[in-house]
Amino acid sequence: MSYYNSNDHYYNVIRKNIKKFRKEKHFTQQQLADATDMSVDYICEIESLKRNKSFSIVTLGRIADVLEVDIKEFFTK
């Protein structure tokens, strides 16, 4: 039995937290995209649990900076 969760598990935790913090800041996906200089389609892909899109730590850092949260908060269950 493996003690490790699947990659999808970890990405999904992060996806849910990005969406949660974005909504707490009253940002639309478009506003977050504009503020991070990313496309709204990319933000949608990042937040979607149905798409298997990976993203970099740099992307997470840019989103964390805009949402004014510590990047480690994206990893909390």
PDB file of N, CA and C in Angstrom:
ATOM      1  N   MET A   1       0.840  -1.181   0.000  1.00  0.00           N
ATOM      2  CA  MET A   1       0.000   0.000   0.000  1.00  0.00           C
ATOM      3  C   MET A   1       0.891   1.253   0.000  1.00  0.00           C
ATOM      4  N   SER A   2       0.566   2.177  -0.840  1.00  0.00           N
ATOM      5  CA  SER A   2       1.356   3.403  -0.955  1.00  0.00           C
ATOM      6  C   SER A   2       0.879   4.441   0.055  1.00  0.00           C
ATOM      7  N   TYR A   3       1.834   5.155   0.623  1.00  0.00           N
ATOM      8  CA  TYR A   3       1.495   6.225   1.554  1.00  0.00           C
ATOM      9  C   TYR A   3       1.334   7.559   0.829  1.00  0.00           C
ATOM     10  N   TYR A   4       1.536   7.536  -0.467  1.00  0.00           N
ATOM     11  CA  TYR A   4       1.462   8.760  -1.258  1.00  0.00           C
ATOM     12  C   TYR A   4       0.134   8.833  -1.987  1.00  0.00           C
ATOM     13  N   ASN A   5      -0.419  10.032  -2.064  1.00  0.00           N
ATOM     14  CA  ASN A   5      -1.629  10.249  -2.839  1.00  0.00           C
ATOM     15  C   ASN A   5      -1.243  10.475  -4.290  1.00  0.00           C
ATOM     16  N   SER A   6      -2.211  10.365  -5.158  1.00  0.00           N
ATOM     17  CA  SER A   6      -1.954  10.581  -6.581  1.00  0.00           C
ATOM     18  C   SER A   6      -1.644  12.050  -6.850  1.00  0.00           C
ATOM     19  N   ASN A   7      -1.028  12.304  -7.984  1.00  0.00           N
ATOM     20  CA  ASN A   7      -0.758  13.684  -8.396  1.00  0.00           C
ATOM     21  C   ASN A   7      -2.047  14.486  -8.455  1.00  0.00           C
ATOM     22  N   ASP A   8      -3.114  13.855  -8.963  1.00  0.00           N
ATOM     23  CA  ASP A   8      -4.397  14.551  -9.062  1.00  0.00           C
ATOM     24  C   ASP A   8      -4.864  15.038  -7.700  1.00  0.00           C
ATOM     25  N   HIS A   9      -4.647  14.244  -6.680  1.00  0.00           N
ATOM     26  CA  HIS A   9      -5.064  14.635  -5.333  1.00  0.00           C
ATOM     27  C   HIS A   9      -4.429  15.962  -4.932  1.00  0.00           C
ATOM     28  N   TYR A  10      -3.127  16.070  -5.106  1.00  0.00           N
ATOM     29  CA  TYR A  10      -2.418  17.277  -4.699  1.00  0.00           C
ATOM     30  C   TYR A  10      -2.838  18.479  -5.550  1.00  0.00           C
ATOM     31  N   TYR A  11      -2.938  18.272  -6.856  1.00  0.00           N
ATOM     32  CA  TYR A  11      -3.387  19.363  -7.720  1.00  0.00           C
ATOM     33  C   TYR A  11      -4.804  19.806  -7.348  1.00  0.00           C
ATOM     34  N   ASN A  12      -5.668  18.856  -7.021  1.00  0.00           N
ATOM     35  CA  ASN A  12      -7.048  19.215  -6.681  1.00  0.00           C
ATOM     36  C   ASN A  12      -7.143  20.002  -5.380  1.00  0.00           C
ATOM     37  N   VAL A  13      -6.301  19.679  -4.405  1.00  0.00           N
ATOM     38  CA  VAL A  13      -6.257  20.469  -3.170  1.00  0.00           C
ATOM     39  C   VAL A  13      -5.889  21.909  -3.503  1.00  0.00           C
ATOM     40  N   ILE A  14      -4.875  22.081  -4.331  1.00  0.00           N
ATOM     41  CA  ILE A  14      -4.427  23.417  -4.710  1.00  0.00           C
ATOM     42  C   ILE A  14      -5.510  24.132  -5.510  1.00  0.00           C
ATOM     43  N   ARG A  15      -6.119  23.443  -6.465  1.00  0.00           N
ATOM     44  CA  ARG A  15      -7.174  24.049  -7.298  1.00  0.00           C
ATOM     45  C   ARG A  15      -8.317  24.593  -6.436  1.00  0.00           C
ATOM     46  N   LYS A  16      -8.769  23.766  -5.492  1.00  0.00           N
ATOM     47  CA  LYS A  16      -9.873  24.181  -4.620  1.00  0.00           C
ATOM     48  C   LYS A  16      -9.488  25.399  -3.788  1.00  0.00           C
ATOM     49  N   ASN A  17      -8.263  25.425  -3.311  1.00  0.00           N
ATOM     50  CA  ASN A  17      -7.819  26.553  -2.491  1.00  0.00           C
ATOM     51  C   ASN A  17      -7.655  27.833  -3.297  1.00  0.00           C
ATOM     52  N   ILE A  18      -7.149  27.727  -4.513  1.00  0.00           N
ATOM     53  CA  ILE A  18      -7.057  28.917  -5.354  1.00  0.00           C
ATOM     54  C   ILE A  18      -8.444  29.514  -5.552  1.00  0.00           C
ATOM     55  N   LYS A  19      -9.388  28.674  -5.895  1.00  0.00           N
ATOM     56  CA  LYS A  19     -10.762  29.144  -6.116  1.00  0.00           C
ATOM     57  C   LYS A  19     -11.348  29.749  -4.836  1.00  0.00           C
ATOM     58  N   LYS A  20     -11.117  29.086  -3.700  1.00  0.00           N
ATOM     59  CA  LYS A  20     -11.632  29.579  -2.422  1.00  0.00           C
ATOM     60  C   LYS A  20     -11.074  30.963  -2.107  1.00  0.00           C
ATOM     61  N   PHE A  21      -9.764  31.127  -2.210  1.00  0.00           N
ATOM     62  CA  PHE A  21      -9.155  32.422  -1.898  1.00  0.00           C
ATOM     63  C   PHE A  21      -9.546  33.491  -2.915  1.00  0.00           C
ATOM     64  N   ARG A  22      -9.694  33.100  -4.171  1.00  0.00           N
ATOM     65  CA  ARG A  22     -10.130  34.062  -5.188  1.00  0.00           C
ATOM     66  C   ARG A  22     -11.519  34.598  -4.847  1.00  0.00           C
ATOM     67  N   LYS A  23     -12.414  33.701  -4.478  1.00  0.00           N
ATOM     68  CA  LYS A  23     -13.774  34.125  -4.134  1.00  0.00           C
ATOM     69  C   LYS A  23     -13.802  34.951  -2.851  1.00  0.00           C
ATOM     70  N   GLU A  24     -12.964  34.593  -1.881  1.00  0.00           N
ATOM     71  CA  GLU A  24     -12.900  35.381  -0.639  1.00  0.00           C
ATOM     72  C   GLU A  24     -12.460  36.822  -0.918  1.00  0.00           C
ATOM     73  N   LYS A  25     -11.612  36.993  -1.927  1.00  0.00           N
ATOM     74  CA  LYS A  25     -11.141  38.336  -2.304  1.00  0.00           C
ATOM     75  C   LYS A  25     -12.095  39.014  -3.281  1.00  0.00           C
ATOM     76  N   HIS A  26     -13.194  38.340  -3.620  1.00  0.00           N
ATOM     77  CA  HIS A  26     -14.203  38.865  -4.546  1.00  0.00           C
ATOM     78  C   HIS A  26     -13.612  39.159  -5.917  1.00  0.00           C
ATOM     79  N   PHE A  27     -12.704  38.293  -6.358  1.00  0.00           N
ATOM     80  CA  PHE A  27     -12.127  38.388  -7.690  1.00  0.00           C
ATOM     81  C   PHE A  27     -12.894  37.451  -8.622  1.00  0.00           C
ATOM     82  N   THR A  28     -13.152  37.915  -9.827  1.00  0.00           N
ATOM     83  CA  THR A  28     -13.638  37.011 -10.865  1.00  0.00           C
ATOM     84  C   THR A  28     -12.421  36.318 -11.466  1.00  0.00           C
ATOM     85  N   GLN A  29     -12.662  35.289 -12.244  1.00  0.00           N
ATOM     86  CA  GLN A  29     -11.546  34.647 -12.928  1.00  0.00           C
ATOM     87  C   GLN A  29     -10.871  35.638 -13.881  1.00  0.00           C
ATOM     88  N   GLN A  30     -11.665  36.486 -14.515  1.00  0.00           N
ATOM     89  CA  GLN A  30     -11.104  37.485 -15.423  1.00  0.00           C
ATOM     90  C   GLN A  30     -10.211  38.469 -14.679  1.00  0.00           C
ATOM     91  N   GLN A  31     -10.648  38.911 -13.514  1.00  0.00           N
ATOM     92  CA  GLN A  31      -9.836  39.850 -12.730  1.00  0.00           C
ATOM     93  C   GLN A  31      -8.523  39.208 -12.279  1.00  0.00           C
ATOM     94  N   LEU A  32      -8.589  37.946 -11.866  1.00  0.00           N
ATOM     95  CA  LEU A  32      -7.371  37.249 -11.468  1.00  0.00           C
ATOM     96  C   LEU A  32      -6.446  37.076 -12.668  1.00  0.00           C
ATOM     97  N   ALA A  33      -7.010  36.734 -13.810  1.00  0.00           N
ATOM     98  CA  ALA A  33      -6.208  36.583 -15.026  1.00  0.00           C
ATOM     99  C   ALA A  33      -5.516  37.894 -15.378  1.00  0.00           C
ATOM    100  N   ASP A  34      -6.253  38.984 -15.340  1.00  0.00           N
ATOM    101  CA  ASP A  34      -5.677  40.291 -15.669  1.00  0.00           C
ATOM    102  C   ASP A  34      -4.559  40.664 -14.698  1.00  0.00           C
ATOM    103  N   ALA A  35      -4.793  40.434 -13.416  1.00  0.00           N
ATOM    104  CA  ALA A  35      -3.830  40.832 -12.388  1.00  0.00           C
ATOM    105  C   ALA A  35      -2.555  39.978 -12.415  1.00  0.00           C
ATOM    106  N   THR A  36      -2.660  38.745 -12.892  1.00  0.00           N
ATOM    107  CA  THR A  36      -1.499  37.852 -12.943  1.00  0.00           C
ATOM    108  C   THR A  36      -0.870  37.807 -14.332  1.00  0.00           C
ATOM    109  N   ASP A  37      -1.465  38.525 -15.267  1.00  0.00           N
ATOM    110  CA  ASP A  37      -1.004  38.529 -16.658  1.00  0.00           C
ATOM    111  C   ASP A  37      -1.067  37.133 -17.265  1.00  0.00           C
ATOM    112  N   MET A  38      -2.160  36.420 -16.933  1.00  0.00           N
ATOM    113  CA  MET A  38      -2.435  35.096 -17.497  1.00  0.00           C
ATOM    114  C   MET A  38      -3.758  35.195 -18.235  1.00  0.00           C
ATOM    115  N   SER A  39      -4.041  34.223 -19.068  1.00  0.00           N
ATOM    116  CA  SER A  39      -5.325  34.234 -19.774  1.00  0.00           C
ATOM    117  C   SER A  39      -6.426  33.714 -18.846  1.00  0.00           C
ATOM    118  N   VAL A  40      -7.638  34.161 -19.101  1.00  0.00           N
ATOM    119  CA  VAL A  40      -8.758  33.672 -18.305  1.00  0.00           C
ATOM    120  C   VAL A  40      -8.955  32.179 -18.559  1.00  0.00           C
ATOM    121  N   ASP A  41      -8.674  31.726 -19.760  1.00  0.00           N
ATOM    122  CA  ASP A  41      -8.771  30.287 -20.048  1.00  0.00           C
ATOM    123  C   ASP A  41      -7.808  29.482 -19.179  1.00  0.00           C
ATOM    124  N   TYR A  42      -6.617  30.015 -18.977  1.00  0.00           N
ATOM    125  CA  TYR A  42      -5.636  29.315 -18.142  1.00  0.00           C
ATOM    126  C   TYR A  42      -6.101  29.282 -16.679  1.00  0.00           C
ATOM    127  N   ILE A  43      -6.634  30.382 -16.183  1.00  0.00           N
ATOM    128  CA  ILE A  43      -7.176  30.403 -14.810  1.00  0.00           C
ATOM    129  C   ILE A  43      -8.304  29.383 -14.689  1.00  0.00           C
ATOM    130  N   CYS A  44      -9.171  29.321 -15.692  1.00  0.00           N
ATOM    131  CA  CYS A  44     -10.263  28.340 -15.679  1.00  0.00           C
ATOM    132  C   CYS A  44      -9.708  26.916 -15.630  1.00  0.00           C
ATOM    133  N   GLU A  45      -8.670  26.654 -16.417  1.00  0.00           N
ATOM    134  CA  GLU A  45      -8.060  25.321 -16.424  1.00  0.00           C
ATOM    135  C   GLU A  45      -7.430  24.988 -15.079  1.00  0.00           C
ATOM    136  N   ILE A  46      -6.777  25.961 -14.477  1.00  0.00           N
ATOM    137  CA  ILE A  46      -6.154  25.736 -13.174  1.00  0.00           C
ATOM    138  C   ILE A  46      -7.207  25.379 -12.125  1.00  0.00           C
ATOM    139  N   GLU A  47      -8.322  26.091 -12.134  1.00  0.00           N
ATOM    140  CA  GLU A  47      -9.357  25.864 -11.111  1.00  0.00           C
ATOM    141  C   GLU A  47     -10.237  24.647 -11.378  1.00  0.00           C
ATOM    142  N   SER A  48     -10.259  24.161 -12.596  1.00  0.00           N
ATOM    143  CA  SER A  48     -11.164  23.075 -12.958  1.00  0.00           C
ATOM    144  C   SER A  48     -10.678  21.727 -12.441  1.00  0.00           C
ATOM    145  N   LEU A  49     -11.560  21.015 -11.757  1.00  0.00           N
ATOM    146  CA  LEU A  49     -11.241  19.667 -11.279  1.00  0.00           C
ATOM    147  C   LEU A  49     -11.391  18.642 -12.405  1.00  0.00           C
ATOM    148  N   LYS A  50     -11.993  19.044 -13.513  1.00  0.00           N
ATOM    149  CA  LYS A  50     -12.236  18.131 -14.631  1.00  0.00           C
ATOM    150  C   LYS A  50     -11.097  18.117 -15.638  1.00  0.00           C
ATOM    151  N   ARG A  51     -10.255  19.117 -15.576  1.00  0.00           N
ATOM    152  CA  ARG A  51      -9.140  19.198 -16.522  1.00  0.00           C
ATOM    153  C   ARG A  51      -7.858  18.800 -15.814  1.00  0.00           C
ATOM    154  N   ASN A  52      -7.024  18.101 -16.516  1.00  0.00           N
ATOM    155  CA  ASN A  52      -5.776  17.635 -15.919  1.00  0.00           C
ATOM    156  C   ASN A  52      -4.632  18.543 -16.363  1.00  0.00           C
ATOM    157  N   LYS A  53      -4.694  19.786 -15.972  1.00  0.00           N
ATOM    158  CA  LYS A  53      -3.682  20.772 -16.362  1.00  0.00           C
ATOM    159  C   LYS A  53      -2.749  21.011 -15.191  1.00  0.00           C
ATOM    160  N   SER A  54      -1.473  20.782 -15.402  1.00  0.00           N
ATOM    161  CA  SER A  54      -0.510  21.069 -14.348  1.00  0.00           C
ATOM    162  C   SER A  54      -0.077  22.527 -14.456  1.00  0.00           C
ATOM    163  N   PHE A  55       0.538  23.019 -13.401  1.00  0.00           N
ATOM    164  CA  PHE A  55       0.993  24.402 -13.373  1.00  0.00           C
ATOM    165  C   PHE A  55       2.242  24.479 -12.524  1.00  0.00           C
ATOM    166  N   SER A  56       3.008  25.526 -12.731  1.00  0.00           N
ATOM    167  CA  SER A  56       4.306  25.641 -12.074  1.00  0.00           C
ATOM    168  C   SER A  56       4.207  26.359 -10.733  1.00  0.00           C
ATOM    169  N   ILE A  57       5.268  26.258  -9.974  1.00  0.00           N
ATOM    170  CA  ILE A  57       5.370  26.962  -8.702  1.00  0.00           C
ATOM    171  C   ILE A  57       5.394  28.470  -8.946  1.00  0.00           C
ATOM    172  N   VAL A  58       5.938  28.898 -10.079  1.00  0.00           N
ATOM    173  CA  VAL A  58       5.953  30.321 -10.424  1.00  0.00           C
ATOM    174  C   VAL A  58       4.521  30.813 -10.625  1.00  0.00           C
ATOM    175  N   THR A  59       3.714  30.021 -11.296  1.00  0.00           N
ATOM    176  CA  THR A  59       2.300  30.366 -11.484  1.00  0.00           C
ATOM    177  C   THR A  59       1.606  30.486 -10.137  1.00  0.00           C
ATOM    178  N   LEU A  60       1.834  29.525  -9.254  1.00  0.00           N
ATOM    179  CA  LEU A  60       1.232  29.583  -7.916  1.00  0.00           C
ATOM    180  C   LEU A  60       1.696  30.829  -7.167  1.00  0.00           C
ATOM    181  N   GLY A  61       2.967  31.157  -7.293  1.00  0.00           N
ATOM    182  CA  GLY A  61       3.500  32.339  -6.624  1.00  0.00           C
ATOM    183  C   GLY A  61       2.848  33.614  -7.111  1.00  0.00           C
ATOM    184  N   ARG A  62       2.638  33.719  -8.412  1.00  0.00           N
ATOM    185  CA  ARG A  62       1.998  34.917  -8.965  1.00  0.00           C
ATOM    186  C   ARG A  62       0.556  35.038  -8.469  1.00  0.00           C
ATOM    187  N   ILE A  63      -0.145  33.909  -8.434  1.00  0.00           N
ATOM    188  CA  ILE A  63      -1.531  33.928  -7.944  1.00  0.00           C
ATOM    189  C   ILE A  63      -1.557  34.272  -6.458  1.00  0.00           C
ATOM    190  N   ALA A  64      -0.664  33.687  -5.685  1.00  0.00           N
ATOM    191  CA  ALA A  64      -0.599  33.967  -4.243  1.00  0.00           C
ATOM    192  C   ALA A  64      -0.315  35.448  -3.997  1.00  0.00           C
ATOM    193  N   ASP A  65       0.600  36.024  -4.756  1.00  0.00           N
ATOM    194  CA  ASP A  65       0.920  37.447  -4.596  1.00  0.00           C
ATOM    195  C   ASP A  65      -0.300  38.320  -4.854  1.00  0.00           C
ATOM    196  N   VAL A  66      -1.005  38.043  -5.926  1.00  0.00           N
ATOM    197  CA  VAL A  66      -2.183  38.850  -6.271  1.00  0.00           C
ATOM    198  C   VAL A  66      -3.287  38.685  -5.233  1.00  0.00           C
ATOM    199  N   LEU A  67      -3.488  37.460  -4.766  1.00  0.00           N
ATOM    200  CA  LEU A  67      -4.547  37.208  -3.776  1.00  0.00           C
ATOM    201  C   LEU A  67      -4.111  37.545  -2.352  1.00  0.00           C
ATOM    202  N   GLU A  68      -2.840  37.911  -2.206  1.00  0.00           N
ATOM    203  CA  GLU A  68      -2.276  38.291  -0.911  1.00  0.00           C
ATOM    204  C   GLU A  68      -2.433  37.188   0.134  1.00  0.00           C
ATOM    205  N   VAL A  69      -2.057  35.965  -0.280  1.00  0.00           N
ATOM    206  CA  VAL A  69      -2.042  34.826   0.638  1.00  0.00           C
ATOM    207  C   VAL A  69      -0.654  34.198   0.601  1.00  0.00           C
ATOM    208  N   ASP A  70      -0.281  33.577   1.685  1.00  0.00           N
ATOM    209  CA  ASP A  70       0.971  32.835   1.726  1.00  0.00           C
ATOM    210  C   ASP A  70       0.805  31.609   0.838  1.00  0.00           C
ATOM    211  N   ILE A  71       1.755  31.379  -0.041  1.00  0.00           N
ATOM    212  CA  ILE A  71       1.653  30.272  -1.003  1.00  0.00           C
ATOM    213  C   ILE A  71       1.392  28.940  -0.313  1.00  0.00           C
ATOM    214  N   LYS A  72       1.880  28.766   0.912  1.00  0.00           N
ATOM    215  CA  LYS A  72       1.664  27.487   1.595  1.00  0.00           C
ATOM    216  C   LYS A  72       0.194  27.233   1.892  1.00  0.00           C
ATOM    217  N   GLU A  73      -0.622  28.277   1.901  1.00  0.00           N
ATOM    218  CA  GLU A  73      -2.057  28.118   2.143  1.00  0.00           C
ATOM    219  C   GLU A  73      -2.737  27.327   1.032  1.00  0.00           C
ATOM    220  N   PHE A  74      -2.151  27.327  -0.157  1.00  0.00           N
ATOM    221  CA  PHE A  74      -2.719  26.568  -1.268  1.00  0.00           C
ATOM    222  C   PHE A  74      -2.603  25.066  -1.039  1.00  0.00           C
ATOM    223  N   PHE A  75      -1.723  24.648  -0.138  1.00  0.00           N
ATOM    224  CA  PHE A  75      -1.462  23.230   0.075  1.00  0.00           C
ATOM    225  C   PHE A  75      -2.219  22.643   1.262  1.00  0.00           C
ATOM    226  N   THR A  76      -2.988  23.452   1.964  1.00  0.00           N
ATOM    227  CA  THR A  76      -3.714  22.957   3.144  1.00  0.00           C
ATOM    228  C   THR A  76      -5.020  22.290   2.721  1.00  0.00           C
ATOM    229  N   LYS A  77      -5.299  21.174   3.367  1.00  0.00           N
ATOM    230  CA  LYS A  77      -6.524  20.429   3.048  1.00  0.00           C
ATOM    231  C   LYS A  77      -7.710  20.996   3.760  1.00  0.00           C
TER     232      LYS A  77
END
